C-alpha atoms as a PDB file:
ATOM      1  CA  UNK A   1     -51.543 231.705  66.290  1.00  0.00           C
ATOM      2  CA  UNK A   2     -51.558 230.491  70.152  1.00  0.00           C
ATOM      3  CA  UNK A   3     -54.998 232.460  71.074  1.00  0.00           C
ATOM      4  CA  UNK A   4     -58.174 231.141  70.590  1.00  0.00           C
ATOM      5  CA  UNK A   5     -59.996 233.621  68.761  1.00  0.00           C
ATOM      6  CA  UNK A   6     -56.797 235.338  66.905  1.00  0.00           C
ATOM      7  CA  UNK A   7     -57.472 234.159  63.037  1.00  0.00           C
ATOM      8  CA  UNK A   8     -61.296 234.222  62.367  1.00  0.00           C
ATOM      9  CA  UNK A   9     -61.862 237.731  64.115  1.00  0.00           C
ATOM     10  CA  UNK A  10     -58.679 239.201  63.024  1.00  0.00           C
ATOM     11  CA  UNK A  11     -59.757 238.426  59.613  1.00  0.00           C
ATOM     12  CA  UNK A  12     -62.685 239.682  59.557  1.00  0.00           C
ATOM     13  CA  UNK A  13     -61.944 242.680  61.727  1.00  0.00           C
ATOM     14  CA  UNK A  14     -59.501 243.991  59.038  1.00  0.00           C
ATOM     15  CA  UNK A  15     -62.560 243.199  56.332  1.00  0.00           C
ATOM     16  CA  UNK A  16     -64.705 245.046  57.940  1.00  0.00           C
ATOM     17  CA  UNK A  17     -62.408 247.871  57.840  1.00  0.00           C
ATOM     18  CA  UNK A  18     -60.811 248.161  55.023  1.00  0.00           C
ATOM     19  CA  UNK A  19     -65.134 247.824  54.002  1.00  0.00           C
ATOM     20  CA  UNK A  20     -65.690 250.645  56.006  1.00  0.00           C
ATOM     21  CA  UNK A  21     -63.493 252.374  54.468  1.00  0.00           C
ATOM     22  CA  UNK A  22     -64.539 251.967  51.187  1.00  0.00           C
ATOM     23  CA  UNK A  23     -67.795 253.117  52.023  1.00  0.00           C
ATOM     24  CA  UNK A  24     -67.425 256.255  54.143  1.00  0.00           C
ATOM     25  CA  UNK A  25     -65.684 256.856  50.514  1.00  0.00           C
ATOM     26  CA  UNK A  26     -61.939 256.958  51.998  1.00  0.00           C
ATOM     27  CA  UNK A  27     -60.557 254.605  50.041  1.00  0.00           C
ATOM     28  CA  UNK A  28     -61.350 255.358  46.401  1.00  0.00           C
ATOM     29  CA  UNK A  29     -61.062 251.397  44.303  1.00  0.00           C
ATOM     30  CA  UNK A  30     -59.801 251.692  41.159  1.00  0.00           C
ATOM     31  CA  UNK A  31     -61.952 248.943  39.504  1.00  0.00           C
ATOM     32  CA  UNK A  32     -58.840 248.157  36.421  1.00  0.00           C
ATOM     33  CA  UNK A  33     -56.301 247.884  40.299  1.00  0.00           C
ATOM     34  CA  UNK A  34     -59.110 245.173  41.507  1.00  0.00           C
ATOM     35  CA  UNK A  35     -59.330 243.113  38.522  1.00  0.00           C
ATOM     36  CA  UNK A  36     -55.429 242.945  38.298  1.00  0.00           C
ATOM     37  CA  UNK A  37     -54.848 242.469  41.917  1.00  0.00           C
ATOM     38  CA  UNK A  38     -57.404 239.059  41.654  1.00  0.00           C
ATOM     39  CA  UNK A  39     -55.676 238.552  38.558  1.00  0.00           C
ATOM     40  CA  UNK A  40     -52.666 238.461  39.932  1.00  0.00           C
ATOM     41  CA  UNK A  41     -53.615 236.296  42.973  1.00  0.00           C
ATOM     42  CA  UNK A  42     -54.985 233.623  40.907  1.00  0.00           C
ATOM     43  CA  UNK A  43     -52.410 233.535  38.743  1.00  0.00           C
ATOM     44  CA  UNK A  44     -49.745 232.789  41.904  1.00  0.00           C
ATOM     45  CA  UNK A  45     -52.663 229.911  42.979  1.00  0.00           C
ATOM     46  CA  UNK A  46     -52.946 228.337  39.197  1.00  0.00           C
ATOM     47  CA  UNK A  47     -49.111 228.078  39.154  1.00  0.00           C
ATOM     48  CA  UNK A  48     -48.911 226.177  42.145  1.00  0.00           C
ATOM     49  CA  UNK A  49     -50.909 223.523  40.065  1.00  0.00           C
ATOM     50  CA  UNK A  50     -50.261 223.963  36.639  1.00  0.00           C
ATOM     51  CA  UNK A  51     -46.694 222.527  35.219  1.00  0.00           C
ATOM     52  CA  UNK A  52     -45.748 226.563  33.867  1.00  0.00           C
ATOM     53  CA  UNK A  53     -42.127 226.128  34.986  1.00  0.00           C
ATOM     54  CA  UNK A  54     -42.727 229.717  36.527  1.00  0.00           C
ATOM     55  CA  UNK A  55     -44.182 232.209  33.451  1.00  0.00           C
ATOM     56  CA  UNK A  56     -47.650 232.017  35.533  1.00  0.00           C
ATOM     57  CA  UNK A  57     -45.550 233.619  38.524  1.00  0.00           C
ATOM     58  CA  UNK A  58     -44.198 235.340  36.604  1.00  0.00           C
ATOM     59  CA  UNK A  59     -47.213 236.949  35.454  1.00  0.00           C
ATOM     60  CA  UNK A  60     -48.957 237.547  38.529  1.00  0.00           C
ATOM     61  CA  UNK A  61     -46.300 238.999  40.004  1.00  0.00           C
ATOM     62  CA  UNK A  62     -46.194 241.870  37.042  1.00  0.00           C
ATOM     63  CA  UNK A  63     -49.936 241.895  37.633  1.00  0.00           C
ATOM     64  CA  UNK A  64     -50.098 242.324  41.318  1.00  0.00           C
ATOM     65  CA  UNK A  65     -46.910 245.040  40.739  1.00  0.00           C
ATOM     66  CA  UNK A  66     -48.541 246.997  38.653  1.00  0.00           C
ATOM     67  CA  UNK A  67     -52.074 246.804  40.009  1.00  0.00           C
ATOM     68  CA  UNK A  68     -51.357 247.723  43.661  1.00  0.00           C
ATOM     69  CA  UNK A  69     -50.243 251.256  43.335  1.00  0.00           C
ATOM     70  CA  UNK A  70     -53.135 251.613  40.360  1.00  0.00           C
ATOM     71  CA  UNK A  71     -55.645 250.008  42.908  1.00  0.00           C
ATOM     72  CA  UNK A  72     -55.726 253.336  45.062  1.00  0.00           C
ATOM     73  CA  UNK A  73     -54.456 256.351  42.843  1.00  0.00           C
ATOM     74  CA  UNK A  74     -57.156 258.259  43.098  1.00  0.00           C
ATOM     75  CA  UNK A  75     -56.802 258.698  46.466  1.00  0.00           C
ATOM     76  CA  UNK A  76     -55.314 261.285  48.911  1.00  0.00           C
ATOM     77  CA  UNK A  77     -51.652 261.293  49.579  1.00  0.00           C
ATOM     78  CA  UNK A  78     -51.737 259.436  52.898  1.00  0.00           C
ATOM     79  CA  UNK A  79     -54.125 256.975  51.179  1.00  0.00           C
ATOM     80  CA  UNK A  80     -52.025 255.558  47.998  1.00  0.00           C
ATOM     81  CA  UNK A  81     -50.048 252.414  48.369  1.00  0.00           C
ATOM     82  CA  UNK A  82     -45.769 253.177  48.750  1.00  0.00           C
ATOM     83  CA  UNK A  83     -43.811 251.676  45.827  1.00  0.00           C
ATOM     84  CA  UNK A  84     -41.586 250.552  48.550  1.00  0.00           C
ATOM     85  CA  UNK A  85     -44.104 248.217  50.187  1.00  0.00           C
ATOM     86  CA  UNK A  86     -45.214 247.181  46.561  1.00  0.00           C
ATOM     87  CA  UNK A  87     -41.542 246.479  45.234  1.00  0.00           C
ATOM     88  CA  UNK A  88     -41.215 244.540  48.836  1.00  0.00           C
ATOM     89  CA  UNK A  89     -44.428 242.495  48.191  1.00  0.00           C
ATOM     90  CA  UNK A  90     -43.510 241.616  44.968  1.00  0.00           C
ATOM     91  CA  UNK A  91     -39.622 240.307  45.724  1.00  0.00           C
ATOM     92  CA  UNK A  92     -40.970 238.403  48.707  1.00  0.00           C
ATOM     93  CA  UNK A  93     -43.191 236.184  46.641  1.00  0.00           C
ATOM     94  CA  UNK A  94     -40.806 236.155  43.976  1.00  0.00           C
ATOM     95  CA  UNK A  95     -38.380 235.096  46.710  1.00  0.00           C
ATOM     96  CA  UNK A  96     -40.706 232.205  47.810  1.00  0.00           C
ATOM     97  CA  UNK A  97     -41.368 230.896  44.625  1.00  0.00           C
ATOM     98  CA  UNK A  98     -37.933 230.948  43.952  1.00  0.00           C
ATOM     99  CA  UNK A  99     -37.168 228.997  47.086  1.00  0.00           C
ATOM    100  CA  UNK A 100     -40.437 225.954  46.355  1.00  0.00           C
ATOM    101  CA  UNK A 101     -39.139 226.189  42.407  1.00  0.00           C
ATOM    102  CA  UNK A 102     -35.281 225.217  43.786  1.00  0.00           C
ATOM    103  CA  UNK A 103     -36.903 222.363  46.077  1.00  0.00           C
ATOM    104  CA  UNK A 104     -39.114 221.268  43.785  1.00  0.00           C
ATOM    105  CA  UNK A 105     -36.400 220.743  41.299  1.00  0.00           C
ATOM    106  CA  UNK A 106     -33.545 219.041  43.584  1.00  0.00           C
ATOM    107  CA  UNK A 107     -36.131 216.557  44.733  1.00  0.00           C
ATOM    108  CA  UNK A 108     -36.852 215.338  41.570  1.00  0.00           C
ATOM    109  CA  UNK A 109     -32.812 215.142  41.417  1.00  0.00           C
ATOM    110  CA  UNK A 110     -32.470 212.577  43.756  1.00  0.00           C
ATOM    111  CA  UNK A 111     -32.128 209.210  43.546  1.00  0.00           C
ATOM    112  CA  UNK A 112     -35.514 206.860  43.914  1.00  0.00           C
ATOM    113  CA  UNK A 113     -35.011 205.883  47.767  1.00  0.00           C
ATOM    114  CA  UNK A 114     -38.451 203.849  48.195  1.00  0.00           C
ATOM    115  CA  UNK A 115     -40.772 201.631  45.797  1.00  0.00           C
ATOM    116  CA  UNK A 116     -39.547 198.282  43.881  1.00  0.00           C
ATOM    117  CA  UNK A 117     -36.341 201.264  41.951  1.00  0.00           C
ATOM    118  CA  UNK A 118     -34.464 201.384  44.753  1.00  0.00           C
ATOM    119  CA  UNK A 119     -33.569 197.910  44.370  1.00  0.00           C
ATOM    120  CA  UNK A 120     -31.200 198.830  41.232  1.00  0.00           C
ATOM    121  CA  UNK A 121     -27.972 199.304  41.827  1.00  0.00           C
ATOM    122  CA  UNK A 122     -28.103 196.953  44.920  1.00  0.00           C
ATOM    123  CA  UNK A 123     -26.139 194.042  46.206  1.00  0.00           C
ATOM    124  CA  UNK A 124     -27.713 190.873  47.055  1.00  0.00           C
ATOM    125  CA  UNK A 125     -27.068 187.187  47.388  1.00  0.00           C
ATOM    126  CA  UNK A 126     -28.840 184.177  45.680  1.00  0.00           C
ATOM    127  CA  UNK A 127     -30.070 181.543  47.446  1.00  0.00           C
ATOM    128  CA  UNK A 128     -31.618 179.354  44.602  1.00  0.00           C
ATOM    129  CA  UNK A 129     -30.987 179.057  41.407  1.00  0.00           C
ATOM    130  CA  UNK A 130     -32.730 182.019  39.806  1.00  0.00           C
ATOM    131  CA  UNK A 131     -33.727 183.863  43.305  1.00  0.00           C
ATOM    132  CA  UNK A 132     -31.802 186.302  44.636  1.00  0.00           C
ATOM    133  CA  UNK A 133     -32.242 187.931  48.354  1.00  0.00           C
ATOM    134  CA  UNK A 134     -32.201 191.519  48.100  1.00  0.00           C
ATOM    135  CA  UNK A 135     -32.937 194.726  50.543  1.00  0.00           C
ATOM    136  CA  UNK A 136     -34.655 191.872  52.384  1.00  0.00           C
ATOM    137  CA  UNK A 137     -36.771 190.773  50.033  1.00  0.00           C
ATOM    138  CA  UNK A 138     -36.605 187.303  47.790  1.00  0.00           C
ATOM    139  CA  UNK A 139     -37.103 187.311  44.511  1.00  0.00           C
ATOM    140  CA  UNK A 140     -36.864 185.703  40.887  1.00  0.00           C
ATOM    141  CA  UNK A 141     -33.860 187.469  39.095  1.00  0.00           C
ATOM    142  CA  UNK A 142     -32.162 186.540  35.664  1.00  0.00           C
ATOM    143  CA  UNK A 143     -28.712 187.562  34.362  1.00  0.00           C
ATOM    144  CA  UNK A 144     -29.062 189.830  30.953  1.00  0.00           C
ATOM    145  CA  UNK A 145     -26.733 187.175  29.568  1.00  0.00           C
ATOM    146  CA  UNK A 146     -28.629 184.313  30.151  1.00  0.00           C
ATOM    147  CA  UNK A 147     -25.937 182.909  32.735  1.00  0.00           C
ATOM    148  CA  UNK A 148     -26.465 180.619  35.766  1.00  0.00           C
ATOM    149  CA  UNK A 149     -27.034 181.937  38.781  1.00  0.00           C
ATOM    150  CA  UNK A 150     -25.102 179.921  41.277  1.00  0.00           C
ATOM    151  CA  UNK A 151     -26.558 179.802  45.459  1.00  0.00           C
ATOM    152  CA  UNK A 152     -24.059 181.672  47.345  1.00  0.00           C
ATOM    153  CA  UNK A 153     -23.178 184.265  44.634  1.00  0.00           C
ATOM    154  CA  UNK A 154     -23.543 187.631  45.122  1.00  0.00           C
ATOM    155  CA  UNK A 155     -24.878 189.539  42.101  1.00  0.00           C
ATOM    156  CA  UNK A 156     -25.680 193.760  41.523  1.00  0.00           C
ATOM    157  CA  UNK A 157     -29.339 194.069  40.666  1.00  0.00           C
ATOM    158  CA  UNK A 158     -29.271 196.044  37.232  1.00  0.00           C
ATOM    159  CA  UNK A 159     -32.811 196.436  36.136  1.00  0.00           C
ATOM    160  CA  UNK A 160     -36.669 195.526  37.234  1.00  0.00           C
ATOM    161  CA  UNK A 161     -38.632 194.223  35.002  1.00  0.00           C
ATOM    162  CA  UNK A 162     -42.541 193.743  36.580  1.00  0.00           C
ATOM    163  CA  UNK A 163     -41.205 191.773  39.402  1.00  0.00           C
ATOM    164  CA  UNK A 164     -37.977 189.961  37.985  1.00  0.00           C
ATOM    165  CA  UNK A 165     -34.745 191.742  38.615  1.00  0.00           C
ATOM    166  CA  UNK A 166     -31.842 191.395  36.012  1.00  0.00           C
ATOM    167  CA  UNK A 167     -28.903 191.099  38.207  1.00  0.00           C
ATOM    168  CA  UNK A 168     -24.783 190.927  37.138  1.00  0.00           C
ATOM    169  CA  UNK A 169     -23.118 188.065  39.160  1.00  0.00           C
ATOM    170  CA  UNK A 170     -19.987 190.189  41.027  1.00  0.00           C
ATOM    171  CA  UNK A 171     -16.669 188.385  40.807  1.00  0.00           C
ATOM    172  CA  UNK A 172     -14.615 189.318  43.846  1.00  0.00           C
ATOM    173  CA  UNK A 173     -11.151 188.206  44.488  1.00  0.00           C
ATOM    174  CA  UNK A 174     -10.118 185.418  46.293  1.00  0.00           C
ATOM    175  CA  UNK A 175     -10.157 186.783  50.531  1.00  0.00           C
ATOM    176  CA  UNK A 176      -7.138 186.799  51.867  1.00  0.00           C
ATOM    177  CA  UNK A 177      -6.027 183.774  53.334  1.00  0.00           C
ATOM    178  CA  UNK A 178      -6.489 183.535  57.258  1.00  0.00           C
ATOM    179  CA  UNK A 179      -3.779 182.668  59.588  1.00  0.00           C
ATOM    180  CA  UNK A 180      -4.715 180.662  62.475  1.00  0.00           C
ATOM    181  CA  UNK A 181      -4.424 183.044  65.916  1.00  0.00           C
ATOM    182  CA  UNK A 182      -2.303 181.138  69.160  1.00  0.00           C
ATOM    183  CA  UNK A 183      -3.322 181.851  72.319  1.00  0.00           C
ATOM    184  CA  UNK A 184      -0.979 182.097  74.875  1.00  0.00           C
END
């Protein structure tokens, strides 16, 4: 990948070699196998963009598993697709999709960290009646039970409705009495 000319010439070379082998009748193709390979690849790509929870991936893997041995089944023995290769490719694709799906599910379960919904559960300070300073922003707030917010009081954000916060006052225990320190 670091050398110029690896991607395009390599891809064109692989395609040209495959077409040449087919043209010289060394690789007779089973059309059913070819259609199933294309269908299997299409199902894998569609499952990336559709919410099917892996159903299309399983169908695509089955298509590939059936089609790859079928693709060159009429070829002489050295040109047939090895079953171990098909199983290995199928397992690699399945492992990749399990990994990606697992990461996607884990990302959806994480709490919101950005945007206005991230304010829920944060503590803030009442600046004026009805205004609360939370996470570097000053916003209009009210309590769910209608109690008055006193300036300097601490609150916790319970909900967000549009641009208005619903908060609950935090009642802290009486702070410890400080003893004056003496200097010697």
